[in-house]
């Protein structure tokens, strides 16, 4: 995988996107430290919304807020 600097990535983004559409992965670095990977979007990794909702419901089962309301928690977070 090729690594390029952030400035170069910004300057040549359209060309990089063309390479990515062909399947390449490109690491982007800032001051020599890798910070991101530009890679093709994988449609298969998209989450099934119904499955996500089912997982959230399962996680919530048996848990309570012990008398707190959502409004109380919002107000507490504002302090």
C-alpha atoms as a PDB file:
ATOM      1  CA  UNK A   1       0.000   0.000   0.000  1.00  0.00           C
ATOM      2  CA  UNK A   2       1.373   3.372  -1.000  1.00  0.00           C
ATOM      3  CA  UNK A   3       1.606   6.166   1.592  1.00  0.00           C
ATOM      4  CA  UNK A   4       1.259   9.821   0.625  1.00  0.00           C
ATOM      5  CA  UNK A   5       1.269  13.036   2.614  1.00  0.00           C
ATOM      6  CA  UNK A   6      -1.926  14.870   3.530  1.00  0.00           C
ATOM      7  CA  UNK A   7      -1.026  17.919   1.438  1.00  0.00           C
ATOM      8  CA  UNK A   8      -0.396  15.772  -1.628  1.00  0.00           C
ATOM      9  CA  UNK A   9      -3.643  13.883  -0.992  1.00  0.00           C
ATOM     10  CA  UNK A  10      -5.578  17.153  -0.853  1.00  0.00           C
ATOM     11  CA  UNK A  11      -3.921  18.400  -4.019  1.00  0.00           C
ATOM     12  CA  UNK A  12      -4.448  15.202  -6.012  1.00  0.00           C
ATOM     13  CA  UNK A  13      -7.701  13.899  -4.512  1.00  0.00           C
ATOM     14  CA  UNK A  14      -9.528  13.345  -7.838  1.00  0.00           C
ATOM     15  CA  UNK A  15      -6.633  11.228  -9.163  1.00  0.00           C
ATOM     16  CA  UNK A  16      -6.447   9.291  -5.900  1.00  0.00           C
ATOM     17  CA  UNK A  17     -10.175   8.587  -6.020  1.00  0.00           C
ATOM     18  CA  UNK A  18      -9.777   7.209  -9.532  1.00  0.00           C
ATOM     19  CA  UNK A  19      -7.089   4.830  -8.269  1.00  0.00           C
ATOM     20  CA  UNK A  20      -9.268   3.794  -5.353  1.00  0.00           C
ATOM     21  CA  UNK A  21     -12.198   3.015  -7.654  1.00  0.00           C
ATOM     22  CA  UNK A  22      -9.870   0.564  -9.377  1.00  0.00           C
ATOM     23  CA  UNK A  23      -9.295  -1.236  -6.072  1.00  0.00           C
ATOM     24  CA  UNK A  24      -6.157   0.414  -4.676  1.00  0.00           C
ATOM     25  CA  UNK A  25      -5.741   1.281  -1.007  1.00  0.00           C
ATOM     26  CA  UNK A  26      -3.729   4.401  -0.170  1.00  0.00           C
ATOM     27  CA  UNK A  27      -2.468   5.419   3.274  1.00  0.00           C
ATOM     28  CA  UNK A  28      -2.467   9.134   4.077  1.00  0.00           C
ATOM     29  CA  UNK A  29       0.082  10.470   6.529  1.00  0.00           C
ATOM     30  CA  UNK A  30       0.666  13.743   8.335  1.00  0.00           C
ATOM     31  CA  UNK A  31       4.268  14.556   9.218  1.00  0.00           C
ATOM     32  CA  UNK A  32       5.173  10.957   8.427  1.00  0.00           C
ATOM     33  CA  UNK A  33       2.552   9.454  10.756  1.00  0.00           C
ATOM     34  CA  UNK A  34      -0.220   7.419   9.080  1.00  0.00           C
ATOM     35  CA  UNK A  35      -3.630   8.938   9.912  1.00  0.00           C
ATOM     36  CA  UNK A  36      -6.085   7.446   7.404  1.00  0.00           C
ATOM     37  CA  UNK A  37      -6.591   4.879   4.690  1.00  0.00           C
ATOM     38  CA  UNK A  38      -8.368   5.704   1.467  1.00  0.00           C
ATOM     39  CA  UNK A  39     -10.001   2.504   0.210  1.00  0.00           C
ATOM     40  CA  UNK A  40     -12.951   1.373  -1.901  1.00  0.00           C
ATOM     41  CA  UNK A  41     -16.324   1.433  -0.180  1.00  0.00           C
ATOM     42  CA  UNK A  42     -17.557  -2.070   0.606  1.00  0.00           C
ATOM     43  CA  UNK A  43     -21.333  -2.212   0.218  1.00  0.00           C
ATOM     44  CA  UNK A  44     -21.363  -5.605   1.957  1.00  0.00           C
ATOM     45  CA  UNK A  45     -20.193  -3.968   5.217  1.00  0.00           C
ATOM     46  CA  UNK A  46     -23.307  -1.833   5.386  1.00  0.00           C
ATOM     47  CA  UNK A  47     -25.268  -2.757   8.505  1.00  0.00           C
ATOM     48  CA  UNK A  48     -28.751  -4.206   8.275  1.00  0.00           C
ATOM     49  CA  UNK A  49     -30.899  -1.649  10.085  1.00  0.00           C
ATOM     50  CA  UNK A  50     -33.288  -4.251  11.473  1.00  0.00           C
ATOM     51  CA  UNK A  51     -30.363  -6.224  12.917  1.00  0.00           C
ATOM     52  CA  UNK A  52     -28.933  -3.086  14.544  1.00  0.00           C
ATOM     53  CA  UNK A  53     -32.298  -2.253  16.131  1.00  0.00           C
ATOM     54  CA  UNK A  54     -32.654  -5.831  17.388  1.00  0.00           C
ATOM     55  CA  UNK A  55     -29.168  -5.653  18.958  1.00  0.00           C
ATOM     56  CA  UNK A  56     -30.031  -2.364  20.669  1.00  0.00           C
ATOM     57  CA  UNK A  57     -33.250  -3.828  22.083  1.00  0.00           C
ATOM     58  CA  UNK A  58     -31.390  -6.887  23.312  1.00  0.00           C
ATOM     59  CA  UNK A  59     -28.763  -4.668  24.967  1.00  0.00           C
ATOM     60  CA  UNK A  60     -31.473  -2.610  26.718  1.00  0.00           C
ATOM     61  CA  UNK A  61     -33.369  -5.655  28.013  1.00  0.00           C
ATOM     62  CA  UNK A  62     -33.241  -5.836  31.802  1.00  0.00           C
ATOM     63  CA  UNK A  63     -31.559  -2.457  32.213  1.00  0.00           C
ATOM     64  CA  UNK A  64     -33.251   0.488  33.857  1.00  0.00           C
ATOM     65  CA  UNK A  65     -32.470   4.129  34.510  1.00  0.00           C
ATOM     66  CA  UNK A  66     -33.382   3.688  38.188  1.00  0.00           C
ATOM     67  CA  UNK A  67     -35.884   6.538  38.267  1.00  0.00           C
ATOM     68  CA  UNK A  68     -33.948   8.947  36.037  1.00  0.00           C
ATOM     69  CA  UNK A  69     -35.587  10.405  33.007  1.00  0.00           C
ATOM     70  CA  UNK A  70     -33.890  11.245  29.743  1.00  0.00           C
ATOM     71  CA  UNK A  71     -34.624  14.925  30.467  1.00  0.00           C
ATOM     72  CA  UNK A  72     -32.837  14.654  33.853  1.00  0.00           C
ATOM     73  CA  UNK A  73     -29.767  13.161  32.199  1.00  0.00           C
ATOM     74  CA  UNK A  74     -29.738  15.861  29.515  1.00  0.00           C
ATOM     75  CA  UNK A  75     -29.936  18.589  32.138  1.00  0.00           C
ATOM     76  CA  UNK A  76     -27.194  16.937  34.191  1.00  0.00           C
ATOM     77  CA  UNK A  77     -24.950  16.880  31.119  1.00  0.00           C
ATOM     78  CA  UNK A  78     -25.442  20.615  30.610  1.00  0.00           C
ATOM     79  CA  UNK A  79     -23.978  21.519  33.996  1.00  0.00           C
END
